[in-house]
Amino acid sequence: MSKGTGPKELYVKKIRNGTVIDHIFAGHALDVLKILGIDGREGHIVSAAMNVISKKQNKKDIVKVENRELKPGEVDKIALIAPSATISIIRDYEVAEKTILRAYLTLSLLSQGSVWKHRTPSGSGATTVSE
C-alpha cells in the first residue's frame, strides 16, 4: 500500500485502557520497553510494532501497554530517547490525555531554569491536552 492511499491499516488492536507511545524512532521500541521495566513477566498485555511506515517519519515504532499508565519519571526518560514520540493515555477506548514529548521536554527544561532554555525553539508552547 502506498502512502496516503487506501484504507488505514491497524497493526495492533485498539486498547480499552492503558498507554500508547507512538512516533518512536524506528528500532527503539525495545529501548522504551526497557525504560518501562517491561520484560513480559509482569502480566501486562504489550504490543510493539517496529519499522511501521509513517507519514511524518519514514518508519516508526509504536508501543501499547494495556492497563498501565506511565509515571512522570518514566515520561522524562522516554523523552530523552524518543523526543518526537507522543504518549496517549487511553480510557474506555478513547484518548483521555495526549502528550507530545518534544514540547514536554522543552517545558521541563524551561521550568527547571536550565541553560538549555536559550537553545529551545521559539514559539514552542504547551501541547499537553486533556480531553
Protein backbone atom coordinates (compact mmCIF):
# COMPACT_ATOMS: atom_id res chain seq x y z
CA MET A 1 0.00 0.00 0.00
CA SER A 2 1.44 3.40 -0.90
CA LYS A 3 1.45 6.36 1.46
CA GLY A 4 -1.80 8.28 1.73
CA THR A 5 -3.92 5.92 -0.34
CA GLY A 6 -6.36 3.21 0.56
CA PRO A 7 -7.86 2.34 3.92
CA LYS A 8 -5.92 2.97 7.12
CA GLU A 9 -4.30 -0.20 8.45
CA LEU A 10 -4.17 -1.12 12.13
CA TYR A 11 -1.09 -3.12 13.03
CA VAL A 12 -2.32 -3.88 16.54
CA LYS A 13 -5.81 -3.71 18.01
CA LYS A 14 -7.13 -0.75 19.97
CA ILE A 15 -6.75 -0.96 23.71
CA ARG A 16 -9.50 -0.26 26.22
CA ASN A 17 -7.28 1.27 28.93
CA GLY A 18 -3.57 1.91 29.09
CA THR A 19 -0.82 3.79 27.30
CA VAL A 20 0.11 4.17 23.64
CA ILE A 21 3.55 5.52 22.78
CA ASP A 22 3.66 6.46 19.10
CA HIS A 23 6.23 8.05 16.76
CA ILE A 24 9.19 6.38 18.45
CA PHE A 25 12.27 6.43 16.22
CA ALA A 26 12.40 3.18 14.22
CA GLY A 27 14.20 0.42 16.06
CA HIS A 28 13.81 1.90 19.56
CA ALA A 29 10.59 0.25 20.81
CA LEU A 30 12.61 -2.26 22.83
CA ASP A 31 14.54 0.60 24.46
CA VAL A 32 11.23 2.15 25.54
CA LEU A 33 10.09 -1.18 26.98
CA LYS A 34 13.37 -1.46 28.87
CA ILE A 35 12.90 2.03 30.37
CA LEU A 36 9.42 0.99 31.49
CA GLY A 37 10.83 -2.17 33.07
CA ILE A 38 8.65 -4.33 30.87
CA ASP A 39 10.11 -7.71 30.04
CA GLY A 40 6.91 -9.71 29.62
CA ARG A 41 6.81 -11.20 33.11
CA GLU A 42 4.67 -8.52 34.79
CA GLY A 43 1.43 -9.67 33.21
CA HIS A 44 0.52 -6.61 31.13
CA ILE A 45 -0.57 -7.17 27.54
CA VAL A 46 2.07 -5.38 25.47
CA SER A 47 2.11 -4.75 21.74
CA ALA A 48 5.16 -3.43 19.93
CA ALA A 49 5.18 -2.62 16.23
CA MET A 50 8.58 -1.85 14.75
CA ASN A 51 9.56 -0.22 11.47
CA VAL A 52 5.98 0.76 10.63
CA ILE A 53 5.59 3.07 7.64
CA SER A 54 4.86 6.63 8.78
CA LYS A 55 3.89 9.89 7.06
CA LYS A 56 5.93 12.08 9.46
CA GLN A 57 8.94 9.77 9.64
CA ASN A 58 9.83 7.19 7.02
CA LYS A 59 9.48 4.48 9.65
CA LYS A 60 8.48 4.49 13.31
CA ASP A 61 7.85 2.19 16.25
CA ILE A 62 4.71 2.00 18.38
CA VAL A 63 4.29 0.54 21.89
CA LYS A 64 0.92 -0.20 23.53
CA VAL A 65 0.68 -1.28 27.16
CA GLU A 66 -2.73 -2.32 28.40
CA ASN A 67 -3.96 -1.40 31.90
CA ARG A 68 -0.91 0.70 32.75
CA GLU A 69 -0.43 4.45 32.76
CA LEU A 70 3.04 6.00 32.79
CA LYS A 71 4.56 7.64 35.84
CA PRO A 72 6.10 11.15 35.46
CA GLY A 73 9.66 9.83 35.82
CA GLU A 74 9.07 7.34 33.02
CA VAL A 75 7.85 10.10 30.72
CA ASP A 76 11.07 12.05 31.40
CA LYS A 77 13.24 9.07 30.46
CA ILE A 78 11.27 8.28 27.29
CA ALA A 79 11.56 11.93 26.22
CA LEU A 80 15.35 11.58 26.22
CA ILE A 81 15.47 8.61 23.82
CA ALA A 82 12.31 9.33 21.82
CA PRO A 83 11.88 13.13 21.73
CA SER A 84 9.46 13.02 18.79
CA ALA A 85 7.14 10.49 20.42
CA THR A 86 3.59 11.07 21.57
CA ILE A 87 2.14 9.44 24.65
CA SER A 88 -1.59 8.84 24.77
CA ILE A 89 -3.42 7.70 27.88
CA ILE A 90 -6.41 5.62 26.81
CA ARG A 91 -9.51 5.21 28.94
CA ASP A 92 -12.51 3.22 27.68
CA TYR A 93 -11.07 3.16 24.12
CA GLU A 94 -10.78 6.97 23.97
CA VAL A 95 -7.74 9.25 24.24
CA ALA A 96 -8.05 10.88 27.68
CA GLU A 97 -4.67 12.65 27.61
CA LYS A 98 -2.07 13.18 24.93
CA THR A 99 1.45 14.50 25.42
CA ILE A 100 3.87 15.43 22.65
CA LEU A 101 7.30 14.77 24.11
CA ARG A 102 9.22 17.40 22.13
CA ALA A 103 7.18 20.15 23.80
CA TYR A 104 7.19 18.27 27.12
CA LEU A 105 11.00 18.16 27.15
CA THR A 106 11.23 21.86 26.25
CA LEU A 107 8.80 22.82 29.00
CA SER A 108 10.62 20.62 31.53
CA LEU A 109 13.90 22.32 30.76
CA LEU A 110 12.33 25.77 30.97
CA SER A 111 10.66 25.03 34.29
CA GLN A 112 13.98 23.89 35.76
CA GLY A 113 15.72 27.11 34.67
CA SER A 114 18.16 25.14 32.58
CA VAL A 115 20.82 26.86 30.49
CA TRP A 116 19.35 24.94 27.56
CA LYS A 117 16.29 27.19 27.61
CA HIS A 118 18.15 29.59 25.32
CA ARG A 119 18.53 26.84 22.73
CA THR A 120 14.89 25.76 22.59
CA PRO A 121 12.89 26.76 19.51
CA SER A 122 10.87 29.94 19.91
CA GLY A 123 7.12 29.63 19.83
CA SER A 124 7.05 26.14 21.31
CA GLY A 125 4.05 26.13 23.60
CA ALA A 126 2.32 23.63 25.79
CA THR A 127 0.94 20.70 23.87
CA THR A 128 -0.36 18.51 26.63
CA VAL A 129 -4.07 18.11 26.03
CA SER A 130 -6.66 16.73 28.43
CA GLU A 131 -9.99 15.74 26.94
